[in-house]
Protein backbone atom coordinates (compact mmCIF):
# COMPACT_ATOMS: atom_id res chain seq x y z
CA UNK A 1 -54.83 -59.66 -67.06
CA UNK A 2 -54.73 -58.17 -63.61
CA UNK A 3 -50.99 -58.78 -63.43
CA UNK A 4 -50.48 -56.98 -66.71
CA UNK A 5 -52.42 -53.94 -65.41
CA UNK A 6 -50.36 -53.86 -62.20
CA UNK A 7 -47.17 -54.08 -64.17
CA UNK A 8 -48.20 -51.18 -66.40
CA UNK A 9 -49.16 -49.16 -63.26
CA UNK A 10 -45.77 -49.67 -61.69
CA UNK A 11 -44.05 -48.72 -64.93
CA UNK A 12 -46.16 -45.56 -65.05
CA UNK A 13 -45.20 -44.61 -61.50
CA UNK A 14 -41.55 -45.10 -62.27
CA UNK A 15 -41.91 -43.04 -65.41
CA UNK A 16 -43.63 -40.22 -63.53
CA UNK A 17 -40.96 -40.27 -60.82
CA UNK A 18 -38.25 -40.20 -63.46
CA UNK A 19 -39.91 -37.27 -65.19
CA UNK A 20 -40.23 -35.40 -61.89
CA UNK A 21 -36.58 -36.10 -61.05
CA UNK A 22 -35.55 -34.89 -64.48
CA UNK A 23 -37.63 -31.75 -64.04
CA UNK A 24 -36.09 -31.15 -60.58
CA UNK A 25 -32.57 -31.67 -61.92
CA UNK A 26 -33.22 -29.34 -64.82
CA UNK A 27 -34.74 -26.72 -62.47
CA UNK A 28 -31.82 -27.07 -60.07
CA UNK A 29 -29.39 -26.60 -62.91
CA UNK A 30 -31.21 -23.67 -64.42
CA UNK A 31 -32.26 -21.95 -61.18
CA UNK A 32 -29.23 -22.94 -59.07
CA UNK A 33 -28.90 -24.56 -55.63
CA UNK A 34 -30.75 -23.36 -52.59
CA UNK A 35 -28.70 -21.23 -50.17
CA UNK A 36 -29.40 -19.59 -46.81
CA UNK A 37 -29.03 -15.82 -46.85
CA UNK A 38 -29.32 -12.91 -44.46
CA UNK A 39 -30.04 -9.26 -45.12
CA UNK A 40 -27.44 -7.15 -43.30
CA UNK A 41 -28.57 -4.44 -40.91
CA UNK A 42 -26.66 -1.86 -38.86
CA UNK A 43 -26.34 -2.92 -35.24
CA UNK A 44 -24.57 -1.81 -32.08
CA UNK A 45 -21.09 -3.23 -31.52
CA UNK A 46 -18.56 -3.03 -28.72
CA UNK A 47 -14.92 -3.09 -29.81
CA UNK A 48 -12.66 -4.75 -27.27
CA UNK A 49 -9.03 -5.67 -26.71
CA UNK A 50 -8.30 -9.05 -25.15
CA UNK A 51 -5.10 -9.50 -23.16
CA UNK A 52 -3.73 -11.38 -20.19
CA UNK A 53 -1.99 -10.25 -17.03
CA UNK A 54 -1.72 -10.83 -13.32
CA UNK A 55 -3.31 -9.77 -10.04
CA UNK A 56 -1.59 -7.29 -7.72
CA UNK A 57 -3.10 -7.03 -4.23
CA UNK A 58 -2.47 -4.04 -1.88
CA UNK A 59 0.86 -4.00 -0.05
CA UNK A 60 1.19 -4.52 3.70
CA UNK A 61 1.95 -1.68 6.11
CA UNK A 62 4.23 -2.27 9.11
CA UNK A 63 3.29 -0.30 12.24
CA UNK A 64 6.13 0.55 14.64
CA UNK A 65 6.87 3.08 17.38
CA UNK A 66 9.11 6.13 17.05
CA UNK A 67 9.77 6.38 20.79
CA UNK A 68 10.61 4.06 23.66
CA UNK A 69 8.13 3.39 26.42
CA UNK A 70 5.78 0.99 28.15
CA UNK A 71 2.57 0.02 26.36
CA UNK A 72 -0.44 1.25 28.31
CA UNK A 73 -3.23 -0.15 26.07
CA UNK A 74 -3.85 -2.03 22.81
CA UNK A 75 -7.48 -1.23 21.89
CA UNK A 76 -7.63 -3.39 18.72
CA UNK A 77 -7.42 -7.12 18.02
CA UNK A 78 -5.95 -9.17 15.21
CA UNK A 79 -8.31 -9.52 12.23
CA UNK A 80 -10.18 -6.32 13.07
CA UNK A 81 -11.01 -3.75 10.38
CA UNK A 82 -9.76 -0.27 11.24
CA UNK A 83 -10.21 3.18 9.72
CA UNK A 84 -7.50 5.71 8.97
CA UNK A 85 -6.47 7.56 12.17
CA UNK A 86 -7.87 4.95 14.57
CA UNK A 87 -5.77 4.35 17.70
CA UNK A 88 -3.88 1.05 17.57
CA UNK A 89 -1.39 1.25 20.47
CA UNK A 90 -1.13 3.67 23.41
CA UNK A 91 2.28 4.19 25.06
CA UNK A 92 2.75 5.76 28.50
CA UNK A 93 2.99 9.50 27.86
CA UNK A 94 3.78 10.93 31.32
CA UNK A 95 7.26 12.14 30.38
CA UNK A 96 6.07 13.49 27.02
CA UNK A 97 3.23 15.36 28.77
CA UNK A 98 5.65 16.95 31.22
CA UNK A 99 7.86 18.08 28.33
CA UNK A 100 4.86 19.72 26.69
CA UNK A 101 4.00 21.65 29.87
CA UNK A 102 7.60 22.75 30.27
CA UNK A 103 7.77 23.97 26.68
CA UNK A 104 4.44 25.76 27.07
CA UNK A 105 5.73 27.57 30.19
CA UNK A 106 8.90 28.62 28.34
CA UNK A 107 6.76 30.00 25.52
CA UNK A 108 4.69 32.03 27.97
CA UNK A 109 7.90 33.45 29.46
CA UNK A 110 9.29 34.54 26.09
CA UNK A 111 5.95 36.04 25.06
CA UNK A 112 5.95 38.05 28.31
CA UNK A 113 9.45 39.30 27.52
CA UNK A 114 8.28 40.37 24.03
CA UNK A 115 5.37 42.30 25.53
CA UNK A 116 7.74 43.88 28.04
CA UNK A 117 9.95 45.17 25.23
CA UNK A 118 6.98 46.55 23.32
CA UNK A 119 4.98 47.95 26.24
CA UNK A 120 7.68 49.01 28.78
CA UNK A 121 11.21 49.12 27.43
CA UNK A 122 10.42 51.15 24.31
CA UNK A 123 8.29 53.80 26.11
CA UNK A 124 10.90 54.06 28.88
CA UNK A 125 13.66 54.58 26.34
CA UNK A 126 11.62 57.24 24.54
CA UNK A 127 11.03 59.04 27.86
CA UNK A 128 14.75 58.87 28.59
CA UNK A 129 15.44 60.53 25.23
CA UNK A 130 13.12 63.41 26.09
CA UNK A 131 14.81 63.85 29.50
CA UNK A 132 18.26 63.73 27.93
CA UNK A 133 17.24 66.35 25.37
CA UNK A 134 16.05 68.66 28.18
CA UNK A 135 19.27 68.11 30.16
CA UNK A 136 21.31 68.82 27.05
CA UNK A 137 19.48 72.08 26.41
CA UNK A 138 20.06 73.21 30.02
CA UNK A 139 23.73 72.25 29.85
CA UNK A 140 24.16 74.15 26.57
CA UNK A 141 22.57 77.32 28.03
CA UNK A 142 24.67 77.05 31.22
CA UNK A 143 27.81 76.60 29.17
CA UNK A 144 27.00 79.62 27.03
CA UNK A 145 26.39 81.86 30.09
CA UNK A 146 29.63 80.79 31.78
CA UNK A 147 31.54 81.27 28.53
CA UNK A 148 30.26 84.86 28.35
CA UNK A 149 31.19 85.52 31.99
CA UNK A 150 34.66 84.04 31.51
CA UNK A 151 35.27 86.34 28.55
CA UNK A 152 34.29 89.30 30.80
CA UNK A 153 36.66 88.11 33.48
CA UNK A 154 34.06 87.36 36.11
CA UNK A 155 34.87 83.60 36.43
CA UNK A 156 37.89 81.50 35.99
CA UNK A 157 38.70 78.76 33.43
CA UNK A 158 38.03 75.98 35.95
CA UNK A 159 34.32 76.83 36.19
CA UNK A 160 34.05 76.90 32.39
CA UNK A 161 35.73 73.50 32.13
CA UNK A 162 33.21 72.07 34.61
CA UNK A 163 30.36 73.41 32.47
CA UNK A 164 31.99 71.85 29.34
CA UNK A 165 32.20 68.47 31.01
CA UNK A 166 28.54 68.70 32.08
CA UNK A 167 27.61 69.47 28.45
CA UNK A 168 29.60 66.50 27.14
CA UNK A 169 27.89 64.19 29.65
CA UNK A 170 24.45 65.47 28.54
CA UNK A 171 25.30 64.82 24.88
CA UNK A 172 26.51 61.33 25.73
CA UNK A 173 23.35 60.60 27.71
CA UNK A 174 21.19 61.70 24.77
CA UNK A 175 23.11 59.46 22.37
CA UNK A 176 22.73 56.55 24.77
CA UNK A 177 18.99 57.15 25.16
CA UNK A 178 18.54 57.31 21.40
CA UNK A 179 20.43 54.04 20.99
CA UNK A 180 18.16 52.49 23.60
CA UNK A 181 15.08 53.56 21.60
CA UNK A 182 16.62 52.23 18.40
CA UNK A 183 17.30 48.83 19.96
CA UNK A 184 13.70 48.54 21.20
CA UNK A 185 11.78 49.70 18.13
CA UNK A 186 10.38 47.39 15.40
CA UNK A 187 13.79 46.85 13.80
CA UNK A 188 15.84 46.98 16.96
CA UNK A 189 17.98 44.20 18.32
CA UNK A 190 16.06 43.87 21.60
CA UNK A 191 12.74 43.35 19.83
CA UNK A 192 14.29 41.01 17.26
CA UNK A 193 15.89 38.97 20.04
CA UNK A 194 12.56 38.78 21.88
CA UNK A 195 10.79 37.64 18.72
CA UNK A 196 13.47 35.01 18.05
CA UNK A 197 13.09 33.71 21.60
CA UNK A 198 9.31 33.37 21.06
CA UNK A 199 9.82 31.52 17.76
CA UNK A 200 12.30 29.16 19.38
CA UNK A 201 9.91 28.49 22.26
CA UNK A 202 7.08 27.81 19.78
CA UNK A 203 9.27 25.31 17.92
CA UNK A 204 10.19 23.60 21.17
CA UNK A 205 6.51 23.33 22.10
CA UNK A 206 5.66 21.89 18.66
CA UNK A 207 8.44 19.34 19.02
CA UNK A 208 7.24 18.33 22.48
CA UNK A 209 3.67 18.01 21.22
CA UNK A 210 4.86 15.87 18.31
CA UNK A 211 6.67 13.53 20.67
CA UNK A 212 3.53 13.41 22.79
CA UNK A 213 1.54 12.44 19.67
CA UNK A 214 3.99 9.57 19.12
CA UNK A 215 2.65 7.98 22.31
CA UNK A 216 -0.49 6.98 20.37
CA UNK A 217 0.13 4.86 17.28
CA UNK A 218 -2.66 5.33 14.75
CA UNK A 219 -3.63 3.49 11.56
CA UNK A 220 -2.03 5.32 8.59
CA UNK A 221 -4.71 3.94 6.24
CA UNK A 222 -7.94 1.97 6.47
CA UNK A 223 -7.52 -1.80 6.35
CA UNK A 224 -7.48 -5.08 8.26
CA UNK A 225 -5.07 -5.84 11.11
CA UNK A 226 -3.45 -9.11 10.05
CA UNK A 227 -0.73 -9.36 12.71
CA UNK A 228 -0.24 -8.10 16.28
CA UNK A 229 3.07 -8.54 18.09
CA UNK A 230 2.53 -6.40 21.20
CA UNK A 231 0.72 -6.69 24.53
CA UNK A 232 -0.12 -4.29 27.33
CA UNK A 233 2.91 -3.76 29.58
CA UNK A 234 5.51 -4.46 26.87
CA UNK A 235 8.36 -1.97 26.59
CA UNK A 236 8.69 -1.05 22.93
CA UNK A 237 11.67 0.35 21.06
CA UNK A 238 11.78 2.50 17.91
CA UNK A 239 11.80 0.53 14.66
CA UNK A 240 10.37 -2.73 16.00
CA UNK A 241 7.33 -3.96 14.01
CA UNK A 242 4.39 -4.13 16.40
CA UNK A 243 1.50 -4.66 13.98
CA UNK A 244 0.95 -5.44 10.28
CA UNK A 245 -1.92 -3.78 8.43
CA UNK A 246 -3.37 -4.88 5.08
CA UNK A 247 -4.67 -1.67 3.48
CA UNK A 248 -8.19 -1.56 2.12
CA UNK A 249 -8.55 -0.46 -1.49
CA UNK A 250 -8.94 -1.60 -5.06
CA UNK A 251 -7.12 -4.73 -6.14
CA UNK A 252 -5.24 -4.04 -9.36
CA UNK A 253 -4.70 -6.02 -12.55
CA UNK A 254 -1.41 -5.50 -14.40
CA UNK A 255 -1.81 -6.28 -18.10
CA UNK A 256 0.46 -6.13 -21.15
CA UNK A 257 -1.29 -4.85 -24.30
CA UNK A 258 0.18 -4.84 -27.81
CA UNK A 259 1.63 -1.40 -28.55
CA UNK A 260 -0.39 -1.15 -31.81
CA UNK A 261 -3.45 -0.58 -29.59
CA UNK A 262 -1.87 2.27 -27.61
CA UNK A 263 -3.86 5.00 -29.40
CA UNK A 264 -7.13 3.26 -28.45
CA UNK A 265 -6.41 3.22 -24.70
CA UNK A 266 -7.90 5.82 -22.36
CA UNK A 267 -8.19 6.06 -18.59
CA UNK A 268 -11.65 5.17 -17.34
CA UNK A 269 -12.37 2.47 -19.93
CA UNK A 270 -14.34 -0.46 -18.55
CA UNK A 271 -13.33 -4.12 -18.76
CA UNK A 272 -14.46 -7.60 -17.84
CA UNK A 273 -11.87 -9.95 -16.37
CA UNK A 274 -11.67 -13.54 -15.24
CA UNK A 275 -9.02 -15.57 -13.48
CA UNK A 276 -7.69 -18.57 -15.41
CA UNK A 277 -8.47 -20.69 -12.37
CA UNK A 278 -12.13 -19.53 -12.45
CA UNK A 279 -12.85 -18.85 -16.15
CA UNK A 280 -16.64 -18.82 -15.76
CA UNK A 281 -16.65 -16.12 -13.06
CA UNK A 282 -16.19 -12.64 -14.55
CA UNK A 283 -15.81 -9.36 -12.66
CA UNK A 284 -15.60 -5.69 -13.57
CA UNK A 285 -12.48 -3.54 -13.75
CA UNK A 286 -11.52 -0.02 -14.84
CA UNK A 287 -8.40 1.22 -16.63
CA UNK A 288 -6.57 3.70 -14.35
CA UNK A 289 -2.95 3.79 -15.57
CA UNK A 290 -1.13 3.60 -18.90
CA UNK A 291 2.65 3.29 -18.72
CA UNK A 292 4.30 5.99 -20.85
CA UNK A 293 7.13 3.63 -21.83
CA UNK A 294 7.04 0.70 -24.27
CA UNK A 295 8.49 -2.72 -23.42
CA UNK A 296 11.00 -3.23 -26.22
CA UNK A 297 11.32 -6.98 -25.65
CA UNK A 298 7.56 -7.63 -25.77
CA UNK A 299 6.47 -4.76 -28.02
CA UNK A 300 3.73 -3.98 -25.52
CA UNK A 301 2.57 -1.30 -23.11
CA UNK A 302 1.78 -2.01 -19.46
CA UNK A 303 -1.58 -0.88 -18.11
CA UNK A 304 -3.22 -1.18 -14.70
CA UNK A 305 -6.89 -1.70 -13.94
CA UNK A 306 -8.66 -1.17 -10.62
CA UNK A 307 -11.08 -3.82 -9.36
CA UNK A 308 -13.55 -2.02 -7.11
CA UNK A 309 -15.18 -5.22 -5.81
CA UNK A 310 -12.60 -7.98 -5.99
CA UNK A 311 -13.90 -11.58 -5.72
CA UNK A 312 -12.78 -13.38 -2.59
CA UNK A 313 -10.87 -15.99 -4.62
CA UNK A 314 -8.41 -13.50 -6.18
CA UNK A 315 -4.83 -14.01 -5.03
CA UNK A 316 -1.54 -12.20 -5.57
CA UNK A 317 0.04 -12.97 -9.00
CA UNK A 318 -2.99 -14.94 -10.28
CA UNK A 319 -3.11 -15.10 -14.09
CA UNK A 320 -6.13 -13.30 -15.46
CA UNK A 321 -7.71 -12.58 -18.86
CA UNK A 322 -9.09 -9.12 -19.57
CA UNK A 323 -11.53 -7.96 -22.24
CA UNK A 324 -11.15 -4.16 -22.36
CA UNK A 325 -13.88 -2.09 -24.00
CA UNK A 326 -12.18 0.56 -26.18
CA UNK A 327 -15.05 1.70 -28.43
CA UNK A 328 -18.82 1.39 -28.74
CA UNK A 329 -20.41 1.71 -32.21
CA UNK A 330 -24.11 2.42 -32.68
CA UNK A 331 -24.25 1.43 -36.38
CA UNK A 332 -21.84 -1.36 -37.34
CA UNK A 333 -22.16 -4.09 -39.99
CA UNK A 334 -21.64 -7.57 -38.56
CA UNK A 335 -21.76 -10.93 -40.40
CA UNK A 336 -21.63 -14.48 -39.06
CA UNK A 337 -18.12 -15.85 -39.06
CA UNK A 338 -19.29 -18.76 -41.27
CA UNK A 339 -20.13 -16.34 -44.10
CA UNK A 340 -16.51 -15.22 -44.44
CA UNK A 341 -14.14 -16.89 -46.90
CA UNK A 342 -10.42 -16.28 -47.29
CA UNK A 343 -8.13 -16.41 -50.31
CA UNK A 344 -4.63 -17.83 -50.23
CA UNK A 345 -3.14 -14.41 -49.46
CA UNK A 346 -5.42 -13.97 -46.47
CA UNK A 347 -7.84 -11.50 -48.11
CA UNK A 348 -11.41 -11.87 -46.84
CA UNK A 349 -14.53 -12.06 -49.02
CA UNK A 350 -18.21 -12.97 -48.85
CA UNK A 351 -20.79 -14.13 -51.37
CA UNK A 352 -23.65 -11.68 -51.93
CA UNK A 353 -27.02 -12.65 -53.37
CA UNK A 354 -27.76 -10.20 -56.19
CA UNK A 355 -30.69 -10.71 -58.55
CA UNK A 356 -30.72 -14.47 -58.13
CA UNK A 357 -26.98 -14.93 -58.54
CA UNK A 358 -23.99 -15.35 -56.20
CA UNK A 359 -21.55 -12.44 -56.44
CA UNK A 360 -18.15 -12.51 -54.80
CA UNK A 361 -17.38 -9.38 -52.77
CA UNK A 362 -14.06 -8.50 -51.13
CA UNK A 363 -14.41 -7.10 -47.60
CA UNK A 364 -12.23 -5.62 -44.88
CA UNK A 365 -12.78 -7.06 -41.42
CA UNK A 366 -12.61 -5.35 -38.04
CA UNK A 367 -13.52 -6.46 -34.53
CA UNK A 368 -13.99 -10.20 -34.02
CA UNK A 369 -16.35 -11.60 -31.46
CA UNK A 370 -17.70 -15.05 -30.71
CA UNK A 371 -19.38 -16.31 -33.88
CA UNK A 372 -19.42 -12.97 -35.71
CA UNK A 373 -17.09 -10.49 -37.39
CA UNK A 374 -17.38 -6.75 -38.00
CA UNK A 375 -17.15 -5.68 -41.65
CA UNK A 376 -15.45 -2.32 -42.01
CA UNK A 377 -15.88 -1.98 -45.78
CA UNK A 378 -17.18 -3.98 -48.76
CA UNK A 379 -20.82 -4.43 -47.77
CA UNK A 380 -23.47 -2.11 -46.40
CA UNK A 381 -26.79 -2.37 -44.60
CA UNK A 382 -29.39 -3.91 -46.93
CA UNK A 383 -26.93 -6.24 -48.73
CA UNK A 384 -27.91 -9.92 -48.73
CA UNK A 385 -25.06 -12.35 -48.03
CA UNK A 386 -24.94 -16.12 -48.42
CA UNK A 387 -24.30 -17.80 -45.05
CA UNK A 388 -23.72 -21.52 -45.43
CA UNK A 389 -22.73 -22.47 -48.98
CA UNK A 390 -19.72 -22.09 -51.24
CA UNK A 391 -20.91 -21.49 -54.79
CA UNK A 392 -19.15 -20.24 -57.88
CA UNK A 393 -19.05 -16.56 -58.56
CA UNK A 394 -21.90 -15.58 -60.87
CA UNK A 395 -23.86 -18.82 -60.49
CA UNK A 396 -27.62 -18.73 -60.13
CA UNK A 397 -28.88 -19.55 -56.64
CA UNK A 398 -32.24 -19.81 -54.90
CA UNK A 399 -32.13 -17.85 -51.69
CA UNK A 400 -33.85 -18.78 -48.45
CA UNK A 401 -33.62 -15.68 -46.22
CA UNK A 402 -33.30 -16.13 -42.45
CA UNK A 403 -33.53 -13.43 -39.78
């Protein structure tokens, strides 16, 4: 009896389970499968361009002398950081100093000659003109009196000829005095010659001072002294490399970017870069140059980025990857990459959850980032998309929203 009751109990349990399974199957068929969905919302998005390139470190600067001479002092050491204009090598400048003093004395002499022309020669010539004019007037009056007396028969022709010669001499003296004034005035040859002599002396002094400046070799730019090939007492010759300087400044990245992105490039755009040898260590960079020409073989444009604080491990010609920020959107629609499906022709689409059914919706994609894709058109904020299931278009589904 007890066994019969137990048997009927087990049969009842099986029957109940079968009914529940049947109900679940019917509900699943009628209501559709469960799917995970997400309601889309506008979010901020950074559009980037990813490209590869290489590292270009600053060039080296060779320091050499422009004159011959014995080295008097070398006030820097190898490996030392120097600033632009800092003294690196001092060459004996005794001869150059003497040349400067000689040129300065010559300039003083020519300037004195110029003052003499302006302050003495011109006034003296003007005074000579006035004296010559007075002498000429006297000679003219004397000649006129003697001419009248000769006509009256009181004097002979010889006396008149003497008066004529005196008049001619006075006229000649006046012309000479006037020429002397003309040569000493502002446009005269004497003053022009004196000015030219001053200019030549000034040029000679400047040349001597320049050669004197050559006796101290200074750093053309700030940087680190990486080689030193000179000691105190050495006699140096022009052109011989005495030191090598590594200039301080931004390390550059040279990158090739597909020409289709040319319109999106602007100077000043920020980027994150990493060397292939150190992929987990990223550093900042800034776009500073866009080549105006296109590489026909590669179909790309060359750009350069400055690295303000270059990591110590960067080396010349290292391969690097660059992610360049070209646009920042405040309200973009982004979906998980898993929600996107693609047809055979490459067209993208998603499944939307609309009134309990799955609805296929074609979309146009934009920027791609890790695990997510920007949707340019096809869906808007507030749409609910299916994330993790492929269901037939129009089929009923039971949505489980996730944030």
